[in-house]
């Protein structure tokens, strides 16, 4: 364990610490194709929220999440989890996903059989 909220692992099969995707990221950084702000190369990153299913978090509440990074061992080809990070996040509301009212634009032909949508009823 490196820090209190970060764990790093070597390949469970051969014990190596050389990872394929990280090597590609390091090479691309050295050649200037990607910026130095890209720190971790990973085959897959998955986020697991840690929450009480009985309580719905409200905007502004802090919740824990585990970030799980996997990569491919360059020595033996094993896909394995090489790092787990515990992160604290603040709950926010994404207003872009809220439903919008279904408004029919005026240029669309309205059907006469539906009251309120043009035709004989209006």
PDB file of N, CA and C in Angstrom:
ATOM      1  N   UNK A   1       0.850  -1.176   0.000  1.00  0.00           N
ATOM      2  CA  UNK A   1       0.000   0.000   0.000  1.00  0.00           C
ATOM      3  C   UNK A   1       0.893   1.236   0.000  1.00  0.00           C
ATOM      4  N   UNK A   2       0.648   2.146  -0.936  1.00  0.00           N
ATOM      5  CA  UNK A   2       1.466   3.340  -1.086  1.00  0.00           C
ATOM      6  C   UNK A   2       0.974   4.467  -0.171  1.00  0.00           C
ATOM      7  N   UNK A   3      -0.294   4.775  -0.250  1.00  0.00           N
ATOM      8  CA  UNK A   3      -0.907   5.812   0.584  1.00  0.00           C
ATOM      9  C   UNK A   3      -2.107   5.201   1.290  1.00  0.00           C
ATOM     10  N   UNK A   4      -2.754   6.036   2.082  1.00  0.00           N
ATOM     11  CA  UNK A   4      -3.935   5.551   2.800  1.00  0.00           C
ATOM     12  C   UNK A   4      -5.073   5.199   1.842  1.00  0.00           C
ATOM     13  N   UNK A   5      -5.238   5.953   0.741  1.00  0.00           N
ATOM     14  CA  UNK A   5      -6.356   5.750  -0.175  1.00  0.00           C
ATOM     15  C   UNK A   5      -5.924   5.281  -1.558  1.00  0.00           C
ATOM     16  N   UNK A   6      -4.757   4.645  -1.664  1.00  0.00           N
ATOM     17  CA  UNK A   6      -4.260   4.176  -2.949  1.00  0.00           C
ATOM     18  C   UNK A   6      -3.493   2.872  -2.742  1.00  0.00           C
ATOM     19  N   UNK A   7      -3.826   1.868  -3.539  1.00  0.00           N
ATOM     20  CA  UNK A   7      -3.159   0.584  -3.468  1.00  0.00           C
ATOM     21  C   UNK A   7      -2.645   0.236  -4.857  1.00  0.00           C
ATOM     22  N   UNK A   8      -1.399  -0.214  -4.962  1.00  0.00           N
ATOM     23  CA  UNK A   8      -0.820  -0.624  -6.235  1.00  0.00           C
ATOM     24  C   UNK A   8      -0.367  -2.069  -6.144  1.00  0.00           C
ATOM     25  N   UNK A   9      -0.493  -2.799  -7.266  1.00  0.00           N
ATOM     26  CA  UNK A   9      -0.202  -4.220  -7.283  1.00  0.00           C
ATOM     27  C   UNK A   9       0.680  -4.574  -8.468  1.00  0.00           C
ATOM     28  N   UNK A  10       1.470  -5.631  -8.308  1.00  0.00           N
ATOM     29  CA  UNK A  10       2.257  -6.192  -9.405  1.00  0.00           C
ATOM     30  C   UNK A  10       1.470  -7.351 -10.010  1.00  0.00           C
ATOM     31  N   UNK A  11       1.952  -7.846 -11.107  1.00  0.00           N
ATOM     32  CA  UNK A  11       1.291  -8.968 -11.776  1.00  0.00           C
ATOM     33  C   UNK A  11       1.177 -10.158 -10.817  1.00  0.00           C
ATOM     34  N   UNK A  12      -0.013 -10.708 -10.636  1.00  0.00           N
ATOM     35  CA  UNK A  12      -0.175 -11.823  -9.703  1.00  0.00           C
ATOM     36  C   UNK A  12       0.414 -13.130 -10.238  1.00  0.00           C
ATOM     37  N   UNK A  13       0.644 -13.216 -11.541  1.00  0.00           N
ATOM     38  CA  UNK A  13       1.157 -14.463 -12.110  1.00  0.00           C
ATOM     39  C   UNK A  13       2.692 -14.515 -12.081  1.00  0.00           C
ATOM     40  N   UNK A  14       3.355 -13.408 -12.520  1.00  0.00           N
ATOM     41  CA  UNK A  14       4.820 -13.466 -12.617  1.00  0.00           C
ATOM     42  C   UNK A  14       5.527 -12.440 -11.719  1.00  0.00           C
ATOM     43  N   UNK A  15       4.776 -11.523 -11.111  1.00  0.00           N
ATOM     44  CA  UNK A  15       5.363 -10.543 -10.207  1.00  0.00           C
ATOM     45  C   UNK A  15       5.986  -9.335 -10.883  1.00  0.00           C
ATOM     46  N   UNK A  16       5.857  -9.221 -12.195  1.00  0.00           N
ATOM     47  CA  UNK A  16       6.441  -8.091 -12.928  1.00  0.00           C
ATOM     48  C   UNK A  16       5.626  -6.819 -12.697  1.00  0.00           C
ATOM     49  N   UNK A  17       6.277  -5.687 -12.943  1.00  0.00           N
ATOM     50  CA  UNK A  17       5.618  -4.391 -12.798  1.00  0.00           C
ATOM     51  C   UNK A  17       5.627  -3.622 -14.121  1.00  0.00           C
ATOM     52  N   UNK A  18       5.856  -4.309 -15.236  1.00  0.00           N
ATOM     53  CA  UNK A  18       5.859  -3.653 -16.540  1.00  0.00           C
ATOM     54  C   UNK A  18       4.499  -3.875 -17.193  1.00  0.00           C
ATOM     55  N   UNK A  19       3.837  -2.756 -17.510  1.00  0.00           N
ATOM     56  CA  UNK A  19       2.473  -2.824 -18.044  1.00  0.00           C
ATOM     57  C   UNK A  19       2.447  -2.280 -19.466  1.00  0.00           C
ATOM     58  N   UNK A  20       1.701  -2.931 -20.350  1.00  0.00           N
ATOM     59  CA  UNK A  20       1.666  -2.617 -21.766  1.00  0.00           C
ATOM     60  C   UNK A  20       1.088  -1.229 -22.057  1.00  0.00           C
ATOM     61  N   UNK A  21      -0.113  -0.945 -21.591  1.00  0.00           N
ATOM     62  CA  UNK A  21      -0.749   0.341 -21.900  1.00  0.00           C
ATOM     63  C   UNK A  21       0.041   1.490 -21.278  1.00  0.00           C
ATOM     64  N   UNK A  22       0.569   1.296 -20.076  1.00  0.00           N
ATOM     65  CA  UNK A  22       1.385   2.340 -19.450  1.00  0.00           C
ATOM     66  C   UNK A  22       2.639   2.613 -20.280  1.00  0.00           C
ATOM     67  N   UNK A  23       3.239   1.571 -20.857  1.00  0.00           N
ATOM     68  CA  UNK A  23       4.423   1.754 -21.697  1.00  0.00           C
ATOM     69  C   UNK A  23       4.084   2.574 -22.942  1.00  0.00           C
ATOM     70  N   UNK A  24       2.924   2.328 -23.539  1.00  0.00           N
ATOM     71  CA  UNK A  24       2.496   3.099 -24.712  1.00  0.00           C
ATOM     72  C   UNK A  24       2.261   4.555 -24.327  1.00  0.00           C
ATOM     73  N   UNK A  25       1.608   4.794 -23.184  1.00  0.00           N
ATOM     74  CA  UNK A  25       1.362   6.166 -22.711  1.00  0.00           C
ATOM     75  C   UNK A  25       2.688   6.874 -22.448  1.00  0.00           C
ATOM     76  N   UNK A  26       3.624   6.199 -21.795  1.00  0.00           N
ATOM     77  CA  UNK A  26       4.931   6.806 -21.511  1.00  0.00           C
ATOM     78  C   UNK A  26       5.672   7.160 -22.798  1.00  0.00           C
ATOM     79  N   UNK A  27       5.624   6.268 -23.802  1.00  0.00           N
ATOM     80  CA  UNK A  27       6.293   6.537 -25.083  1.00  0.00           C
ATOM     81  C   UNK A  27       5.637   7.725 -25.800  1.00  0.00           C
ATOM     82  N   UNK A  28       4.304   7.772 -25.804  1.00  0.00           N
ATOM     83  CA  UNK A  28       3.601   8.875 -26.470  1.00  0.00           C
ATOM     84  C   UNK A  28       3.858  10.204 -25.770  1.00  0.00           C
ATOM     85  N   UNK A  29       3.991  10.176 -24.441  1.00  0.00           N
ATOM     86  CA  UNK A  29       4.342  11.407 -23.708  1.00  0.00           C
ATOM     87  C   UNK A  29       5.742  11.864 -24.089  1.00  0.00           C
ATOM     88  N   UNK A  30       6.684  10.944 -24.163  1.00  0.00           N
ATOM     89  CA  UNK A  30       8.066  11.288 -24.510  1.00  0.00           C
ATOM     90  C   UNK A  30       8.168  11.846 -25.927  1.00  0.00           C
ATOM     91  N   UNK A  31       7.326  11.366 -26.830  1.00  0.00           N
ATOM     92  CA  UNK A  31       7.348  11.832 -28.213  1.00  0.00           C
ATOM     93  C   UNK A  31       6.450  13.036 -28.448  1.00  0.00           C
ATOM     94  N   UNK A  32       5.769  13.519 -27.390  1.00  0.00           N
ATOM     95  CA  UNK A  32       4.965  14.735 -27.493  1.00  0.00           C
ATOM     96  C   UNK A  32       3.583  14.562 -28.084  1.00  0.00           C
ATOM     97  N   UNK A  33       3.092  13.332 -28.236  1.00  0.00           N
ATOM     98  CA  UNK A  33       1.753  13.119 -28.788  1.00  0.00           C
ATOM     99  C   UNK A  33       0.644  13.342 -27.766  1.00  0.00           C
ATOM    100  N   UNK A  34       0.942  13.162 -26.503  1.00  0.00           N
ATOM    101  CA  UNK A  34      -0.032  13.443 -25.445  1.00  0.00           C
ATOM    102  C   UNK A  34       0.656  14.290 -24.384  1.00  0.00           C
ATOM    103  N   UNK A  35      -0.145  15.008 -23.598  1.00  0.00           N
ATOM    104  CA  UNK A  35       0.401  15.917 -22.605  1.00  0.00           C
ATOM    105  C   UNK A  35       0.879  15.217 -21.345  1.00  0.00           C
ATOM    106  N   UNK A  36       1.666  15.952 -20.569  1.00  0.00           N
ATOM    107  CA  UNK A  36       2.199  15.410 -19.319  1.00  0.00           C
ATOM    108  C   UNK A  36       1.128  15.252 -18.245  1.00  0.00           C
ATOM    109  N   UNK A  37      -0.071  15.827 -18.466  1.00  0.00           N
ATOM    110  CA  UNK A  37      -1.140  15.705 -17.481  1.00  0.00           C
ATOM    111  C   UNK A  37      -1.771  14.315 -17.483  1.00  0.00           C
ATOM    112  N   UNK A  38      -1.509  13.513 -18.523  1.00  0.00           N
ATOM    113  CA  UNK A  38      -1.986  12.126 -18.550  1.00  0.00           C
ATOM    114  C   UNK A  38      -1.013  11.309 -17.718  1.00  0.00           C
ATOM    115  N   UNK A  39      -1.476  10.824 -16.578  1.00  0.00           N
ATOM    116  CA  UNK A  39      -0.587  10.135 -15.650  1.00  0.00           C
ATOM    117  C   UNK A  39      -0.639   8.619 -15.793  1.00  0.00           C
ATOM    118  N   UNK A  40      -1.840   8.089 -15.882  1.00  0.00           N
ATOM    119  CA  UNK A  40      -1.992   6.634 -15.840  1.00  0.00           C
ATOM    120  C   UNK A  40      -2.449   6.088 -17.173  1.00  0.00           C
ATOM    121  N   UNK A  41      -1.759   5.048 -17.614  1.00  0.00           N
ATOM    122  CA  UNK A  41      -2.233   4.276 -18.737  1.00  0.00           C
ATOM    123  C   UNK A  41      -2.939   3.053 -18.185  1.00  0.00           C
ATOM    124  N   UNK A  42      -4.099   2.761 -18.712  1.00  0.00           N
ATOM    125  CA  UNK A  42      -4.858   1.612 -18.219  1.00  0.00           C
ATOM    126  C   UNK A  42      -5.687   1.031 -19.351  1.00  0.00           C
ATOM    127  N   UNK A  43      -5.786  -0.267 -19.365  1.00  0.00           N
ATOM    128  CA  UNK A  43      -6.635  -0.952 -20.329  1.00  0.00           C
ATOM    129  C   UNK A  43      -8.102  -0.644 -20.032  1.00  0.00           C
ATOM    130  N   UNK A  44      -8.422  -0.582 -18.751  1.00  0.00           N
ATOM    131  CA  UNK A  44      -9.801  -0.370 -18.331  1.00  0.00           C
ATOM    132  C   UNK A  44      -9.800   0.333 -16.984  1.00  0.00           C
ATOM    133  N   UNK A  45     -10.661   1.328 -16.844  1.00  0.00           N
ATOM    134  CA  UNK A  45     -10.852   2.002 -15.553  1.00  0.00           C
ATOM    135  C   UNK A  45     -12.339   1.921 -15.235  1.00  0.00           C
ATOM    136  N   UNK A  46     -12.655   1.413 -14.056  1.00  0.00           N
ATOM    137  CA  UNK A  46     -14.051   1.297 -13.649  1.00  0.00           C
ATOM    138  C   UNK A  46     -14.245   1.988 -12.310  1.00  0.00           C
ATOM    139  N   UNK A  47     -15.385   2.624 -12.167  1.00  0.00           N
ATOM    140  CA  UNK A  47     -15.702   3.361 -10.951  1.00  0.00           C
ATOM    141  C   UNK A  47     -16.827   2.630 -10.215  1.00  0.00           C
ATOM    142  N   UNK A  48     -16.606   2.394  -8.919  1.00  0.00           N
ATOM    143  CA  UNK A  48     -17.608   1.738  -8.087  1.00  0.00           C
ATOM    144  C   UNK A  48     -17.999   2.675  -6.957  1.00  0.00           C
ATOM    145  N   UNK A  49     -19.209   3.238  -6.991  1.00  0.00           N
ATOM    146  CA  UNK A  49     -19.626   4.081  -5.867  1.00  0.00           C
ATOM    147  C   UNK A  49     -19.869   3.226  -4.626  1.00  0.00           C
ATOM    148  N   UNK A  50     -19.541   3.785  -3.481  1.00  0.00           N
ATOM    149  CA  UNK A  50     -19.785   3.116  -2.206  1.00  0.00           C
ATOM    150  C   UNK A  50     -20.838   3.940  -1.492  1.00  0.00           C
ATOM    151  N   UNK A  51     -22.035   3.403  -1.410  1.00  0.00           N
ATOM    152  CA  UNK A  51     -23.138   4.179  -0.843  1.00  0.00           C
ATOM    153  C   UNK A  51     -24.092   3.264  -0.087  1.00  0.00           C
ATOM    154  N   UNK A  52     -24.830   3.864   0.807  1.00  0.00           N
ATOM    155  CA  UNK A  52     -25.867   3.164   1.549  1.00  0.00           C
ATOM    156  C   UNK A  52     -27.113   3.123   0.670  1.00  0.00           C
ATOM    157  N   UNK A  53     -27.568   1.924   0.320  1.00  0.00           N
ATOM    158  CA  UNK A  53     -28.739   1.791  -0.546  1.00  0.00           C
ATOM    159  C   UNK A  53     -30.020   2.293   0.106  1.00  0.00           C
ATOM    160  N   UNK A  54     -30.022   2.436   1.416  1.00  0.00           N
ATOM    161  CA  UNK A  54     -31.226   2.894   2.112  1.00  0.00           C
ATOM    162  C   UNK A  54     -31.334   4.421   2.132  1.00  0.00           C
ATOM    163  N   UNK A  55     -30.243   5.122   1.820  1.00  0.00           N
ATOM    164  CA  UNK A  55     -30.264   6.582   1.825  1.00  0.00           C
ATOM    165  C   UNK A  55     -29.916   7.103   0.440  1.00  0.00           C
ATOM    166  N   UNK A  56     -30.724   8.012  -0.049  1.00  0.00           N
ATOM    167  CA  UNK A  56     -30.439   8.654  -1.331  1.00  0.00           C
ATOM    168  C   UNK A  56     -29.584   9.886  -1.067  1.00  0.00           C
ATOM    169  N   UNK A  57     -28.360   9.945  -1.619  1.00  0.00           N
ATOM    170  CA  UNK A  57     -27.529  11.129  -1.373  1.00  0.00           C
ATOM    171  C   UNK A  57     -28.131  12.375  -2.016  1.00  0.00           C
ATOM    172  N   UNK A  58     -27.973  13.496  -1.340  1.00  0.00           N
ATOM    173  CA  UNK A  58     -28.490  14.771  -1.818  1.00  0.00           C
ATOM    174  C   UNK A  58     -27.341  15.569  -2.431  1.00  0.00           C
ATOM    175  N   UNK A  59     -27.638  16.502  -3.337  1.00  0.00           N
ATOM    176  CA  UNK A  59     -26.571  17.346  -3.884  1.00  0.00           C
ATOM    177  C   UNK A  59     -25.803  18.033  -2.754  1.00  0.00           C
ATOM    178  N   UNK A  60     -24.484  17.985  -2.856  1.00  0.00           N
ATOM    179  CA  UNK A  60     -23.619  18.559  -1.827  1.00  0.00           C
ATOM    180  C   UNK A  60     -23.066  17.521  -0.863  1.00  0.00           C
ATOM    181  N   UNK A  61     -23.722  16.348  -0.744  1.00  0.00           N
ATOM    182  CA  UNK A  61     -23.217  15.275   0.117  1.00  0.00           C
ATOM    183  C   UNK A  61     -21.918  14.715  -0.461  1.00  0.00           C
ATOM    184  N   UNK A  62     -21.065  14.207   0.403  1.00  0.00           N
ATOM    185  CA  UNK A  62     -19.830  13.570  -0.042  1.00  0.00           C
ATOM    186  C   UNK A  62     -20.017  12.057   0.006  1.00  0.00           C
ATOM    187  N   UNK A  63     -19.601  11.395  -1.070  1.00  0.00           N
ATOM    188  CA  UNK A  63     -19.697   9.936  -1.156  1.00  0.00           C
ATOM    189  C   UNK A  63     -18.330   9.372  -1.574  1.00  0.00           C
ATOM    190  N   UNK A  64     -18.093   8.119  -1.217  1.00  0.00           N
ATOM    191  CA  UNK A  64     -16.851   7.449  -1.597  1.00  0.00           C
ATOM    192  C   UNK A  64     -17.043   6.690  -2.904  1.00  0.00           C
ATOM    193  N   UNK A  65     -15.947   6.552  -3.625  1.00  0.00           N
ATOM    194  CA  UNK A  65     -15.945   5.744  -4.838  1.00  0.00           C
ATOM    195  C   UNK A  65     -14.585   5.063  -4.941  1.00  0.00           C
ATOM    196  N   UNK A  66     -14.588   3.862  -5.491  1.00  0.00           N
ATOM    197  CA  UNK A  66     -13.340   3.168  -5.772  1.00  0.00           C
ATOM    198  C   UNK A  66     -13.089   3.237  -7.278  1.00  0.00           C
ATOM    199  N   UNK A  67     -11.893   3.658  -7.665  1.00  0.00           N
ATOM    200  CA  UNK A  67     -11.476   3.653  -9.059  1.00  0.00           C
ATOM    201  C   UNK A  67     -10.536   2.461  -9.233  1.00  0.00           C
ATOM    202  N   UNK A  68     -10.881   1.554 -10.125  1.00  0.00           N
ATOM    203  CA  UNK A  68     -10.122   0.320 -10.319  1.00  0.00           C
ATOM    204  C   UNK A  68      -9.494   0.355 -11.717  1.00  0.00           C
ATOM    205  N   UNK A  69      -8.147   0.282 -11.758  1.00  0.00           N
ATOM    206  CA  UNK A  69      -7.383   0.353 -13.002  1.00  0.00           C
ATOM    207  C   UNK A  69      -6.840  -1.030 -13.343  1.00  0.00           C
ATOM    208  N   UNK A  70      -7.028  -1.468 -14.583  1.00  0.00           N
ATOM    209  CA  UNK A  70      -6.440  -2.744 -15.005  1.00  0.00           C
ATOM    210  C   UNK A  70      -5.553  -2.517 -16.225  1.00  0.00           C
ATOM    211  N   UNK A  71      -4.593  -3.405 -16.425  1.00  0.00           N
ATOM    212  CA  UNK A  71      -3.656  -3.316 -17.537  1.00  0.00           C
ATOM    213  C   UNK A  71      -3.166  -4.720 -17.879  1.00  0.00           C
ATOM    214  N   UNK A  72      -2.289  -4.811 -18.887  1.00  0.00           N
ATOM    215  CA  UNK A  72      -1.765  -6.084 -19.359  1.00  0.00           C
ATOM    216  C   UNK A  72      -0.284  -6.172 -18.985  1.00  0.00           C
ATOM    217  N   UNK A  73       0.103  -7.271 -18.364  1.00  0.00           N
ATOM    218  CA  UNK A  73       1.509  -7.492 -18.010  1.00  0.00           C
ATOM    219  C   UNK A  73       2.313  -7.688 -19.295  1.00  0.00           C
ATOM    220  N   UNK A  74       3.412  -6.925 -19.432  1.00  0.00           N
ATOM    221  CA  UNK A  74       4.252  -7.058 -20.625  1.00  0.00           C
ATOM    222  C   UNK A  74       5.053  -8.352 -20.624  1.00  0.00           C
ATOM    223  N   UNK A  75       5.291  -8.933 -19.479  1.00  0.00           N
ATOM    224  CA  UNK A  75       6.108 -10.142 -19.408  1.00  0.00           C
ATOM    225  C   UNK A  75       5.325 -11.415 -19.729  1.00  0.00           C
ATOM    226  N   UNK A  76       4.116 -11.533 -19.156  1.00  0.00           N
ATOM    227  CA  UNK A  76       3.385 -12.793 -19.348  1.00  0.00           C
ATOM    228  C   UNK A  76       2.013 -12.630 -20.011  1.00  0.00           C
ATOM    229  N   UNK A  77       1.547 -11.390 -20.228  1.00  0.00           N
ATOM    230  CA  UNK A  77       0.272 -11.170 -20.913  1.00  0.00           C
ATOM    231  C   UNK A  77      -0.964 -11.260 -20.047  1.00  0.00           C
ATOM    232  N   UNK A  78      -0.806 -11.363 -18.741  1.00  0.00           N
ATOM    233  CA  UNK A  78      -1.947 -11.459 -17.837  1.00  0.00           C
ATOM    234  C   UNK A  78      -2.617 -10.101 -17.691  1.00  0.00           C
ATOM    235  N   UNK A  79      -3.934 -10.080 -17.798  1.00  0.00           N
ATOM    236  CA  UNK A  79      -4.699  -8.864 -17.511  1.00  0.00           C
ATOM    237  C   UNK A  79      -4.975  -8.867 -16.015  1.00  0.00           C
ATOM    238  N   UNK A  80      -4.600  -7.785 -15.348  1.00  0.00           N
ATOM    239  CA  UNK A  80      -4.761  -7.749 -13.891  1.00  0.00           C
ATOM    240  C   UNK A  80      -5.030  -6.319 -13.417  1.00  0.00           C
ATOM    241  N   UNK A  81      -5.551  -6.208 -12.202  1.00  0.00           N
ATOM    242  CA  UNK A  81      -5.789  -4.909 -11.574  1.00  0.00           C
ATOM    243  C   UNK A  81      -4.459  -4.440 -10.999  1.00  0.00           C
ATOM    244  N   UNK A  82      -4.002  -3.280 -11.448  1.00  0.00           N
ATOM    245  CA  UNK A  82      -2.708  -2.784 -10.966  1.00  0.00           C
ATOM    246  C   UNK A  82      -2.832  -1.644  -9.971  1.00  0.00           C
ATOM    247  N   UNK A  83      -4.023  -1.027  -9.895  1.00  0.00           N
ATOM    248  CA  UNK A  83      -4.172   0.070  -8.938  1.00  0.00           C
ATOM    249  C   UNK A  83      -5.630   0.230  -8.546  1.00  0.00           C
ATOM    250  N   UNK A  84      -5.858   0.545  -7.274  1.00  0.00           N
ATOM    251  CA  UNK A  84      -7.184   0.883  -6.755  1.00  0.00           C
ATOM    252  C   UNK A  84      -7.030   2.171  -5.959  1.00  0.00           C
ATOM    253  N   UNK A  85      -7.883   3.142  -6.253  1.00  0.00           N
ATOM    254  CA  UNK A  85      -7.855   4.427  -5.549  1.00  0.00           C
ATOM    255  C   UNK A  85      -9.223   4.676  -4.935  1.00  0.00           C
ATOM    256  N   UNK A  86      -9.243   5.061  -3.673  1.00  0.00           N
ATOM    257  CA  UNK A  86     -10.484   5.487  -3.009  1.00  0.00           C
ATOM    258  C   UNK A  86     -10.569   6.995  -3.160  1.00  0.00           C
ATOM    259  N   UNK A  87     -11.676   7.455  -3.718  1.00  0.00           N
ATOM    260  CA  UNK A  87     -11.863   8.877  -4.001  1.00  0.00           C
ATOM    261  C   UNK A  87     -13.118   9.365  -3.293  1.00  0.00           C
ATOM    262  N   UNK A  88     -13.071  10.587  -2.813  1.00  0.00           N
ATOM    263  CA  UNK A  88     -14.242  11.211  -2.192  1.00  0.00           C
ATOM    264  C   UNK A  88     -14.806  12.200  -3.208  1.00  0.00           C
ATOM    265  N   UNK A  89     -16.093  12.069  -3.504  1.00  0.00           N
ATOM    266  CA  UNK A  89     -16.743  12.929  -4.497  1.00  0.00           C
ATOM    267  C   UNK A  89     -17.904  13.677  -3.858  1.00  0.00           C
ATOM    268  N   UNK A  90     -18.181  14.848  -4.403  1.00  0.00           N
ATOM    269  CA  UNK A  90     -19.343  15.615  -3.966  1.00  0.00           C
ATOM    270  C   UNK A  90     -20.475  15.360  -4.955  1.00  0.00           C
ATOM    271  N   UNK A  91     -21.667  15.038  -4.439  1.00  0.00           N
ATOM    272  CA  UNK A  91     -22.818  14.749  -5.279  1.00  0.00           C
ATOM    273  C   UNK A  91     -23.292  16.056  -5.911  1.00  0.00           C
ATOM    274  N   UNK A  92     -23.525  16.000  -7.220  1.00  0.00           N
ATOM    275  CA  UNK A  92     -24.040  17.173  -7.922  1.00  0.00           C
ATOM    276  C   UNK A  92     -25.206  16.744  -8.804  1.00  0.00           C
ATOM    277  N   UNK A  93     -25.919  17.701  -9.332  1.00  0.00           N
ATOM    278  CA  UNK A  93     -27.066  17.430 -10.197  1.00  0.00           C
ATOM    279  C   UNK A  93     -26.660  17.776 -11.619  1.00  0.00           C
ATOM    280  N   UNK A  94     -26.882  16.844 -12.532  1.00  0.00           N
ATOM    281  CA  UNK A  94     -26.598  17.080 -13.944  1.00  0.00           C
ATOM    282  C   UNK A  94     -27.890  17.531 -14.615  1.00  0.00           C
ATOM    283  N   UNK A  95     -28.041  18.830 -14.795  1.00  0.00           N
ATOM    284  CA  UNK A  95     -29.289  19.373 -15.339  1.00  0.00           C
ATOM    285  C   UNK A  95     -29.444  19.071 -16.825  1.00  0.00           C
ATOM    286  N   UNK A  96     -28.385  18.679 -17.506  1.00  0.00           N
ATOM    287  CA  UNK A  96     -28.502  18.378 -18.933  1.00  0.00           C
ATOM    288  C   UNK A  96     -29.320  17.109 -19.174  1.00  0.00           C
ATOM    289  N   UNK A  97     -29.479  16.274 -18.151  1.00  0.00           N
ATOM    290  CA  UNK A  97     -30.227  15.022 -18.307  1.00  0.00           C
ATOM    291  C   UNK A  97     -31.704  15.150 -17.902  1.00  0.00           C
ATOM    292  N   UNK A  98     -32.093  16.330 -17.440  1.00  0.00           N
ATOM    293  CA  UNK A  98     -33.485  16.513 -17.040  1.00  0.00           C
ATOM    294  C   UNK A  98     -34.386  16.474 -18.266  1.00  0.00           C
ATOM    295  N   UNK A  99     -35.621  15.985 -18.078  1.00  0.00           N
ATOM    296  CA  UNK A  99     -36.565  15.907 -19.189  1.00  0.00           C
ATOM    297  C   UNK A  99     -37.039  17.301 -19.577  1.00  0.00           C
ATOM    298  N   UNK A 100     -37.198  17.487 -20.859  1.00  0.00           N
ATOM    299  CA  UNK A 100     -37.729  18.750 -21.369  1.00  0.00           C
ATOM    300  C   UNK A 100     -39.157  18.495 -21.823  1.00  0.00           C
ATOM    301  N   UNK A 101     -40.023  19.512 -21.771  1.00  0.00           N
ATOM    302  CA  UNK A 101     -41.396  19.299 -22.226  1.00  0.00           C
ATOM    303  C   UNK A 101     -41.411  18.973 -23.720  1.00  0.00           C
ATOM    304  N   UNK A 102     -42.349  18.124 -24.112  1.00  0.00           N
ATOM    305  CA  UNK A 102     -42.469  17.735 -25.510  1.00  0.00           C
ATOM    306  C   UNK A 102     -43.256  18.812 -26.244  1.00  0.00           C
ATOM    307  N   UNK A 103     -42.555  19.700 -26.898  1.00  0.00           N
ATOM    308  CA  UNK A 103     -43.186  20.805 -27.614  1.00  0.00           C
ATOM    309  C   UNK A 103     -43.105  20.510 -29.101  1.00  0.00           C
ATOM    310  N   UNK A 104     -44.252  20.588 -29.767  1.00  0.00           N
ATOM    311  CA  UNK A 104     -44.286  20.353 -31.201  1.00  0.00           C
ATOM    312  C   UNK A 104     -43.986  21.675 -31.889  1.00  0.00           C
ATOM    313  N   UNK A 105     -42.937  21.727 -32.678  1.00  0.00           N
ATOM    314  CA  UNK A 105     -42.621  22.968 -33.381  1.00  0.00           C
ATOM    315  C   UNK A 105     -43.745  23.362 -34.334  1.00  0.00           C
ATOM    316  N   UNK A 106     -43.953  24.676 -34.564  1.00  0.00           N
ATOM    317  CA  UNK A 106     -45.081  25.127 -35.397  1.00  0.00           C
ATOM    318  C   UNK A 106     -44.999  24.660 -36.846  1.00  0.00           C
ATOM    319  N   UNK A 107     -43.825  24.349 -37.372  1.00  0.00           N
ATOM    320  CA  UNK A 107     -43.707  23.949 -38.766  1.00  0.00           C
ATOM    321  C   UNK A 107     -44.178  22.513 -39.008  1.00  0.00           C
ATOM    322  N   UNK A 108     -44.407  21.717 -37.949  1.00  0.00           N
ATOM    323  CA  UNK A 108     -44.866  20.339 -38.103  1.00  0.00           C
ATOM    324  C   UNK A 108     -46.370  20.345 -38.315  1.00  0.00           C
ATOM    325  N   UNK A 109     -46.832  19.572 -39.305  1.00  0.00           N
ATOM    326  CA  UNK A 109     -48.268  19.473 -39.610  1.00  0.00           C
ATOM    327  C   UNK A 109     -48.983  18.812 -38.434  1.00  0.00           C
ATOM    328  N   UNK A 110     -50.011  19.468 -37.948  1.00  0.00           N
ATOM    329  CA  UNK A 110     -50.766  18.940 -36.812  1.00  0.00           C
ATOM    330  C   UNK A 110     -51.902  18.047 -37.310  1.00  0.00           C
ATOM    331  N   UNK A 111     -52.183  17.015 -36.549  1.00  0.00           N
ATOM    332  CA  UNK A 111     -53.181  16.031 -36.947  1.00  0.00           C
ATOM    333  C   UNK A 111     -54.571  16.470 -36.485  1.00  0.00           C
ATOM    334  N   UNK A 112     -55.584  16.418 -37.368  1.00  0.00           N
ATOM    335  CA  UNK A 112     -56.930  16.911 -37.002  1.00  0.00           C
ATOM    336  C   UNK A 112     -57.682  16.031 -36.009  1.00  0.00           C
ATOM    337  N   UNK A 113     -57.296  14.771 -35.823  1.00  0.00           N
ATOM    338  CA  UNK A 113     -58.025  13.876 -34.919  1.00  0.00           C
ATOM    339  C   UNK A 113     -57.624  14.029 -33.460  1.00  0.00           C
ATOM    340  N   UNK A 114     -56.606  14.827 -33.154  1.00  0.00           N
ATOM    341  CA  UNK A 114     -56.139  14.988 -31.784  1.00  0.00           C
ATOM    342  C   UNK A 114     -56.475  16.391 -31.299  1.00  0.00           C
ATOM    343  N   UNK A 115     -57.486  16.506 -30.403  1.00  0.00           N
ATOM    344  CA  UNK A 115     -57.847  17.818 -29.888  1.00  0.00           C
ATOM    345  C   UNK A 115     -56.650  18.487 -29.234  1.00  0.00           C
ATOM    346  N   UNK A 116     -56.552  19.768 -29.452  1.00  0.00           N
ATOM    347  CA  UNK A 116     -55.449  20.510 -28.886  1.00  0.00           C
ATOM    348  C   UNK A 116     -54.224  20.533 -29.781  1.00  0.00           C
ATOM    349  N   UNK A 117     -54.270  19.756 -30.864  1.00  0.00           N
ATOM    350  CA  UNK A 117     -53.149  19.724 -31.798  1.00  0.00           C
ATOM    351  C   UNK A 117     -53.580  20.199 -33.174  1.00  0.00           C
ATOM    352  N   UNK A 118     -54.415  21.211 -33.261  1.00  0.00           N
ATOM    353  CA  UNK A 118     -54.847  21.751 -34.538  1.00  0.00           C
ATOM    354  C   UNK A 118     -56.077  21.007 -35.027  1.00  0.00           C
ATOM    355  N   UNK A 119     -56.567  21.412 -36.159  1.00  0.00           N
ATOM    356  CA  UNK A 119     -57.724  20.744 -36.745  1.00  0.00           C
ATOM    357  C   UNK A 119     -59.016  21.335 -36.240  1.00  0.00           C
ATOM    358  N   UNK A 120     -60.118  20.513 -36.195  1.00  0.00           N
ATOM    359  CA  UNK A 120     -61.465  20.984 -35.867  1.00  0.00           C
ATOM    360  C   UNK A 120     -61.624  21.430 -34.426  1.00  0.00           C
ATOM    361  N   UNK A 121     -60.866  20.855 -33.503  1.00  0.00           N
ATOM    362  CA  UNK A 121     -61.052  21.180 -32.081  1.00  0.00           C
ATOM    363  C   UNK A 121     -60.483  22.527 -31.681  1.00  0.00           C
ATOM    364  N   UNK A 122     -59.745  23.211 -32.531  1.00  0.00           N
ATOM    365  CA  UNK A 122     -59.094  24.470 -32.147  1.00  0.00           C
ATOM    366  C   UNK A 122     -59.720  25.642 -32.790  1.00  0.00           C
TER     367      UNK A 122
END
